[in-house]
Amino acid sequence: YINIPTTLLSMVDASVGGKTGINFGGLKNEIG
């Protein structure tokens, strides 16, 4: 996969570094 981040948050954080995931059980990024 390729990321094209479109927000400042995703440019400097979410899209870089290889962390992927979803929220689960009311907790942030619990599964990934």
All heavy atoms as atom14 arrays in JSON, in Angstrom:
{
  "sequence": "YINIPTTLLSMVDASVGGKTGINFGGLKNEIG",
  "atom14_mask": [
    [1, 1, 1, 1, 1, 1, 1, 1, 1, 1, 1, 1, 0, 0],
    [1, 1, 1, 1, 1, 1, 1, 1, 0, 0, 0, 0, 0, 0],
    [1, 1, 1, 1, 1, 1, 1, 1, 0, 0, 0, 0, 0, 0],
    [1, 1, 1, 1, 1, 1, 1, 1, 0, 0, 0, 0, 0, 0],
    [1, 1, 1, 1, 1, 1, 1, 0, 0, 0, 0, 0, 0, 0],
    [1, 1, 1, 1, 1, 1, 1, 0, 0, 0, 0, 0, 0, 0],
    [1, 1, 1, 1, 1, 1, 1, 0, 0, 0, 0, 0, 0, 0],
    [1, 1, 1, 1, 1, 1, 1, 1, 0, 0, 0, 0, 0, 0],
    [1, 1, 1, 1, 1, 1, 1, 1, 0, 0, 0, 0, 0, 0],
    [1, 1, 1, 1, 1, 1, 0, 0, 0, 0, 0, 0, 0, 0],
    [1, 1, 1, 1, 1, 1, 1, 1, 0, 0, 0, 0, 0, 0],
    [1, 1, 1, 1, 1, 1, 1, 0, 0, 0, 0, 0, 0, 0],
    [1, 1, 1, 1, 1, 1, 1, 1, 0, 0, 0, 0, 0, 0],
    [1, 1, 1, 1, 1, 0, 0, 0, 0, 0, 0, 0, 0, 0],
    [1, 1, 1, 1, 1, 1, 0, 0, 0, 0, 0, 0, 0, 0],
    [1, 1, 1, 1, 1, 1, 1, 0, 0, 0, 0, 0, 0, 0],
    [1, 1, 1, 1, 0, 0, 0, 0, 0, 0, 0, 0, 0, 0],
    [1, 1, 1, 1, 0, 0, 0, 0, 0, 0, 0, 0, 0, 0],
    [1, 1, 1, 1, 1, 1, 1, 1, 1, 0, 0, 0, 0, 0],
    [1, 1, 1, 1, 1, 1, 1, 0, 0, 0, 0, 0, 0, 0],
    [1, 1, 1, 1, 0, 0, 0, 0, 0, 0, 0, 0, 0, 0],
    [1, 1, 1, 1, 1, 1, 1, 1, 0, 0, 0, 0, 0, 0],
    [1, 1, 1, 1, 1, 1, 1, 1, 0, 0, 0, 0, 0, 0],
    [1, 1, 1, 1, 1, 1, 1, 1, 1, 1, 1, 0, 0, 0],
    [1, 1, 1, 1, 0, 0, 0, 0, 0, 0, 0, 0, 0, 0],
    [1, 1, 1, 1, 0, 0, 0, 0, 0, 0, 0, 0, 0, 0],
    [1, 1, 1, 1, 1, 1, 1, 1, 0, 0, 0, 0, 0, 0],
    [1, 1, 1, 1, 1, 1, 1, 1, 1, 0, 0, 0, 0, 0],
    [1, 1, 1, 1, 1, 1, 1, 1, 0, 0, 0, 0, 0, 0],
    [1, 1, 1, 1, 1, 1, 1, 1, 1, 0, 0, 0, 0, 0],
    [1, 1, 1, 1, 1, 1, 1, 1, 0, 0, 0, 0, 0, 0],
    [1, 1, 1, 1, 0, 0, 0, 0, 0, 0, 0, 0, 0, 0]
  ],
  "atom14_positions": [
    [[0.83, -1.2, 0.0], [0.0, 0.0, 0.0], [0.87, 1.25, 0.0], [2.04, 1.24, 0.38], [-0.98, 0.0, 1.17], [-0.37, 0.21, 2.54], [-0.36, 1.48, 3.13], [0.16, -0.85, 3.27], [0.17, 1.68, 4.39], [0.7, -0.66, 4.54], [0.69, 0.61, 5.09], [1.24, 0.8, 6.35], [0.0, 0.0, 0.0], [0.0, 0.0, 0.0]],
    [[0.26, 2.34, -0.48], [0.88, 3.66, -0.56], [-0.02, 4.62, 0.21], [-1.25, 4.54, 0.11], [1.01, 4.12, -2.02], [2.03, 3.27, -2.78], [1.37, 5.6, -2.13], [2.0, 3.47, -4.29], [0.0, 0.0, 0.0], [0.0, 0.0, 0.0], [0.0, 0.0, 0.0], [0.0, 0.0, 0.0], [0.0, 0.0, 0.0], [0.0, 0.0, 0.0]],
    [[0.57, 5.52, 0.99], [-0.2, 6.53, 1.69], [-0.04, 7.9, 1.03], [1.09, 8.33, 0.73], [0.25, 6.65, 3.15], [-0.26, 5.52, 4.03], [-1.27, 4.88, 3.71], [0.41, 5.28, 5.15], [0.0, 0.0, 0.0], [0.0, 0.0, 0.0], [0.0, 0.0, 0.0], [0.0, 0.0, 0.0], [0.0, 0.0, 0.0], [0.0, 0.0, 0.0]],
    [[-1.17, 8.56, 0.81], [-1.17, 9.97, 0.44], [-1.94, 10.71, 1.53], [-3.17, 10.84, 1.46], [-1.82, 10.23, -0.94], [-1.23, 9.33, -2.02], [-1.66, 11.7, -1.32], [-1.88, 9.51, -3.39], [0.0, 0.0, 0.0], [0.0, 0.0, 0.0], [0.0, 0.0, 0.0], [0.0, 0.0, 0.0], [0.0, 0.0, 0.0], [0.0, 0.0, 0.0]],
    [[-1.26, 11.15, 2.58], [-1.96, 11.82, 3.67], [-2.48, 13.19, 3.22], [-1.79, 13.93, 2.51], [-0.88, 11.96, 4.75], [0.42, 11.92, 4.0], [0.19, 11.03, 2.82], [0.0, 0.0, 0.0], [0.0, 0.0, 0.0], [0.0, 0.0, 0.0], [0.0, 0.0, 0.0], [0.0, 0.0, 0.0], [0.0, 0.0, 0.0], [0.0, 0.0, 0.0]],
    [[-3.68, 13.51, 3.64], [-4.32, 14.75, 3.2], [-4.56, 15.73, 4.33], [-5.07, 16.83, 4.1], [-5.67, 14.45, 2.52], [-6.52, 13.77, 3.45], [-5.48, 13.58, 1.29], [0.0, 0.0, 0.0], [0.0, 0.0, 0.0], [0.0, 0.0, 0.0], [0.0, 0.0, 0.0], [0.0, 0.0, 0.0], [0.0, 0.0, 0.0], [0.0, 0.0, 0.0]],
    [[-4.23, 15.34, 5.56], [-4.32, 16.25, 6.7], [-2.93, 16.45, 7.28], [-2.03, 15.63, 7.09], [-5.24, 15.7, 7.81], [-4.64, 14.51, 8.35], [-6.62, 15.36, 7.26], [0.0, 0.0, 0.0], [0.0, 0.0, 0.0], [0.0, 0.0, 0.0], [0.0, 0.0, 0.0], [0.0, 0.0, 0.0], [0.0, 0.0, 0.0], [0.0, 0.0, 0.0]],
    [[-2.76, 17.53, 8.0], [-1.46, 17.79, 8.62], [-1.13, 16.69, 9.63], [0.01, 16.24, 9.73], [-1.48, 19.16, 9.31], [-0.16, 19.64, 9.9], [0.95, 19.65, 8.86], [-0.32, 21.02, 10.53], [0.0, 0.0, 0.0], [0.0, 0.0, 0.0], [0.0, 0.0, 0.0], [0.0, 0.0, 0.0], [0.0, 0.0, 0.0], [0.0, 0.0, 0.0]],
    [[-2.14, 16.23, 10.37], [-1.93, 15.17, 11.36], [-1.39, 13.91, 10.7], [-0.43, 13.3, 11.18], [-3.24, 14.87, 12.09], [-3.18, 13.78, 13.16], [-2.26, 14.19, 14.29], [-4.57, 13.48, 13.69], [0.0, 0.0, 0.0], [0.0, 0.0, 0.0], [0.0, 0.0, 0.0], [0.0, 0.0, 0.0], [0.0, 0.0, 0.0], [0.0, 0.0, 0.0]],
    [[-1.99, 13.51, 9.6], [-1.54, 12.28, 8.96], [-0.19, 12.46, 8.27], [0.6, 11.53, 8.17], [-2.59, 11.77, 7.96], [-2.89, 12.72, 6.98], [0.0, 0.0, 0.0], [0.0, 0.0, 0.0], [0.0, 0.0, 0.0], [0.0, 0.0, 0.0], [0.0, 0.0, 0.0], [0.0, 0.0, 0.0], [0.0, 0.0, 0.0], [0.0, 0.0, 0.0]],
    [[0.11, 13.68, 7.81], [1.4, 13.91, 7.16], [2.56, 13.75, 8.14], [3.57, 13.13, 7.83], [1.46, 15.32, 6.55], [0.65, 15.47, 5.28], [0.81, 17.12, 4.59], [-0.43, 17.03, 3.28], [0.0, 0.0, 0.0], [0.0, 0.0, 0.0], [0.0, 0.0, 0.0], [0.0, 0.0, 0.0], [0.0, 0.0, 0.0], [0.0, 0.0, 0.0]],
    [[2.41, 14.31, 9.33], [3.53, 14.33, 10.27], [3.5, 13.18, 11.25], [4.46, 12.96, 11.98], [3.6, 15.67, 11.05], [3.79, 16.83, 10.09], [2.38, 15.88, 11.91], [0.0, 0.0, 0.0], [0.0, 0.0, 0.0], [0.0, 0.0, 0.0], [0.0, 0.0, 0.0], [0.0, 0.0, 0.0], [0.0, 0.0, 0.0], [0.0, 0.0, 0.0]],
    [[2.38, 12.42, 11.26], [2.29, 11.38, 12.28], [1.74, 10.07, 11.73], [2.48, 9.11, 11.53], [1.42, 11.86, 13.44], [1.37, 10.86, 14.59], [2.45, 10.47, 15.07], [0.27, 10.47, 15.01], [0.0, 0.0, 0.0], [0.0, 0.0, 0.0], [0.0, 0.0, 0.0], [0.0, 0.0, 0.0], [0.0, 0.0, 0.0], [0.0, 0.0, 0.0]],
    [[0.44, 10.01, 11.46], [-0.21, 8.71, 11.24], [0.32, 7.94, 10.05], [0.46, 6.71, 10.11], [-1.73, 8.92, 11.1], [0.0, 0.0, 0.0], [0.0, 0.0, 0.0], [0.0, 0.0, 0.0], [0.0, 0.0, 0.0], [0.0, 0.0, 0.0], [0.0, 0.0, 0.0], [0.0, 0.0, 0.0], [0.0, 0.0, 0.0], [0.0, 0.0, 0.0]],
    [[0.62, 8.63, 8.95], [0.97, 7.91, 7.72], [2.43, 7.47, 7.68], [2.81, 6.68, 6.82], [0.68, 8.8, 6.5], [1.58, 9.88, 6.46], [0.0, 0.0, 0.0], [0.0, 0.0, 0.0], [0.0, 0.0, 0.0], [0.0, 0.0, 0.0], [0.0, 0.0, 0.0], [0.0, 0.0, 0.0], [0.0, 0.0, 0.0], [0.0, 0.0, 0.0]],
    [[3.25, 7.97, 8.61], [4.69, 7.7, 8.61], [5.03, 6.79, 9.78], [4.57, 7.0, 10.9], [5.48, 9.03, 8.74], [6.96, 8.76, 8.83], [5.16, 9.96, 7.58], [0.0, 0.0, 0.0], [0.0, 0.0, 0.0], [0.0, 0.0, 0.0], [0.0, 0.0, 0.0], [0.0, 0.0, 0.0], [0.0, 0.0, 0.0], [0.0, 0.0, 0.0]],
    [[5.81, 5.75, 9.52], [6.3, 4.93, 10.62], [5.74, 3.53, 10.71], [6.21, 2.73, 11.52], [0.0, 0.0, 0.0], [0.0, 0.0, 0.0], [0.0, 0.0, 0.0], [0.0, 0.0, 0.0], [0.0, 0.0, 0.0], [0.0, 0.0, 0.0], [0.0, 0.0, 0.0], [0.0, 0.0, 0.0], [0.0, 0.0, 0.0], [0.0, 0.0, 0.0]],
    [[4.72, 3.22, 9.91], [4.28, 1.84, 9.8], [3.29, 1.35, 10.85], [2.95, 0.17, 10.88], [0.0, 0.0, 0.0], [0.0, 0.0, 0.0], [0.0, 0.0, 0.0], [0.0, 0.0, 0.0], [0.0, 0.0, 0.0], [0.0, 0.0, 0.0], [0.0, 0.0, 0.0], [0.0, 0.0, 0.0], [0.0, 0.0, 0.0], [0.0, 0.0, 0.0]],
    [[2.79, 2.25, 11.72], [1.75, 1.82, 12.65], [0.41, 1.83, 11.93], [0.02, 2.83, 11.34], [1.7, 2.75, 13.87], [2.78, 2.49, 14.9], [2.54, 3.34, 16.14], [3.55, 3.05, 17.22], [3.32, 3.86, 18.43], [0.0, 0.0, 0.0], [0.0, 0.0, 0.0], [0.0, 0.0, 0.0], [0.0, 0.0, 0.0], [0.0, 0.0, 0.0]],
    [[-0.29, 0.71, 11.98], [-1.62, 0.62, 11.39], [-2.57, 0.09, 12.46], [-2.14, -0.51, 13.44], [-1.64, -0.33, 10.18], [-1.49, -1.68, 10.66], [-0.52, -0.02, 9.2], [0.0, 0.0, 0.0], [0.0, 0.0, 0.0], [0.0, 0.0, 0.0], [0.0, 0.0, 0.0], [0.0, 0.0, 0.0], [0.0, 0.0, 0.0], [0.0, 0.0, 0.0]],
    [[-3.88, 0.3, 12.27], [-4.78, -0.29, 13.25], [-6.15, 0.36, 13.29], [-6.47, 1.29, 12.54], [0.0, 0.0, 0.0], [0.0, 0.0, 0.0], [0.0, 0.0, 0.0], [0.0, 0.0, 0.0], [0.0, 0.0, 0.0], [0.0, 0.0, 0.0], [0.0, 0.0, 0.0], [0.0, 0.0, 0.0], [0.0, 0.0, 0.0], [0.0, 0.0, 0.0]],
    [[-6.95, -0.16, 14.24], [-8.31, 0.31, 14.47], [-8.53, 0.45, 15.97], [-7.79, -0.1, 16.79], [-9.36, -0.66, 13.88], [-9.21, -2.06, 14.5], [-9.27, -0.71, 12.36], [-10.37, -2.99, 14.19], [0.0, 0.0, 0.0], [0.0, 0.0, 0.0], [0.0, 0.0, 0.0], [0.0, 0.0, 0.0], [0.0, 0.0, 0.0], [0.0, 0.0, 0.0]],
    [[-9.57, 1.19, 16.32], [-10.01, 1.27, 17.71], [-10.84, 0.03, 18.04], [-11.5, -0.54, 17.16], [-10.84, 2.53, 17.94], [-10.1, 3.8, 17.54], [-8.87, 3.83, 17.55], [-10.84, 4.83, 17.18], [0.0, 0.0, 0.0], [0.0, 0.0, 0.0], [0.0, 0.0, 0.0], [0.0, 0.0, 0.0], [0.0, 0.0, 0.0], [0.0, 0.0, 0.0]],
    [[-10.82, -0.36, 19.31], [-11.55, -1.58, 19.69], [-11.85, -1.53, 21.18], [-11.0, -1.15, 21.98], [-10.71, -2.82, 19.37], [-11.42, -4.13, 19.6], [-12.41, -4.57, 18.73], [-11.13, -4.91, 20.71], [-13.07, -5.77, 18.94], [-11.78, -6.11, 20.93], [-12.76, -6.54, 20.04], [0.0, 0.0, 0.0], [0.0, 0.0, 0.0], [0.0, 0.0, 0.0]],
    [[-13.08, -1.9, 21.54], [-13.45, -1.95, 22.94], [-13.38, -0.6, 23.64], [-13.1, -0.53, 24.84], [0.0, 0.0, 0.0], [0.0, 0.0, 0.0], [0.0, 0.0, 0.0], [0.0, 0.0, 0.0], [0.0, 0.0, 0.0], [0.0, 0.0, 0.0], [0.0, 0.0, 0.0], [0.0, 0.0, 0.0], [0.0, 0.0, 0.0], [0.0, 0.0, 0.0]],
    [[-13.62, 0.47, 22.88], [-13.57, 1.8, 23.46], [-12.18, 2.36, 23.63], [-12.01, 3.44, 24.21], [0.0, 0.0, 0.0], [0.0, 0.0, 0.0], [0.0, 0.0, 0.0], [0.0, 0.0, 0.0], [0.0, 0.0, 0.0], [0.0, 0.0, 0.0], [0.0, 0.0, 0.0], [0.0, 0.0, 0.0], [0.0, 0.0, 0.0], [0.0, 0.0, 0.0]],
    [[-11.16, 1.66, 23.12], [-9.77, 2.09, 23.29], [-9.14, 2.41, 21.94], [-9.38, 1.72, 20.95], [-8.95, 1.02, 24.01], [-9.42, 0.68, 25.44], [-8.66, -0.52, 25.98], [-9.24, 1.88, 26.36], [0.0, 0.0, 0.0], [0.0, 0.0, 0.0], [0.0, 0.0, 0.0], [0.0, 0.0, 0.0], [0.0, 0.0, 0.0], [0.0, 0.0, 0.0]],
    [[-8.31, 3.44, 21.94], [-7.67, 3.92, 20.71], [-6.63, 2.92, 20.22], [-5.79, 2.43, 20.97], [-6.96, 5.26, 20.98], [-7.9, 6.43, 21.15], [-8.37, 6.96, 19.83], [-7.21, 7.49, 19.03], [-7.64, 7.99, 17.7], [0.0, 0.0, 0.0], [0.0, 0.0, 0.0], [0.0, 0.0, 0.0], [0.0, 0.0, 0.0], [0.0, 0.0, 0.0]],
    [[-6.68, 2.61, 18.91], [-5.63, 1.83, 18.23], [-5.28, 0.54, 18.98], [-4.13, 0.15, 19.07], [-4.36, 2.69, 18.07], [-4.63, 3.96, 17.29], [-5.39, 3.96, 16.33], [-4.02, 5.05, 17.7], [0.0, 0.0, 0.0], [0.0, 0.0, 0.0], [0.0, 0.0, 0.0], [0.0, 0.0, 0.0], [0.0, 0.0, 0.0], [0.0, 0.0, 0.0]],
    [[-6.31, -0.13, 19.48], [-6.1, -1.32, 20.3], [-5.65, -2.53, 19.48], [-4.93, -3.39, 19.96], [-7.41, -1.65, 21.04], [-7.33, -2.79, 22.02], [-6.67, -2.42, 23.35], [-6.05, -1.34, 23.45], [-6.77, -3.23, 24.28], [0.0, 0.0, 0.0], [0.0, 0.0, 0.0], [0.0, 0.0, 0.0], [0.0, 0.0, 0.0], [0.0, 0.0, 0.0]],
    [[-6.09, -2.58, 18.21], [-5.74, -3.71, 17.34], [-4.98, -3.17, 16.13], [-5.43, -2.23, 15.48], [-7.01, -4.45, 16.84], [-7.94, -4.8, 18.0], [-6.62, -5.69, 16.05], [-7.38, -5.79, 18.99], [0.0, 0.0, 0.0], [0.0, 0.0, 0.0], [0.0, 0.0, 0.0], [0.0, 0.0, 0.0], [0.0, 0.0, 0.0], [0.0, 0.0, 0.0]],
    [[-3.81, -3.77, 15.82], [-3.08, -3.3, 14.65], [-1.76, -4.03, 14.49], [-1.43, -4.93, 15.28], [0.0, 0.0, 0.0], [0.0, 0.0, 0.0], [0.0, 0.0, 0.0], [0.0, 0.0, 0.0], [0.0, 0.0, 0.0], [0.0, 0.0, 0.0], [0.0, 0.0, 0.0], [0.0, 0.0, 0.0], [0.0, 0.0, 0.0], [0.0, 0.0, 0.0]]
  ]
}
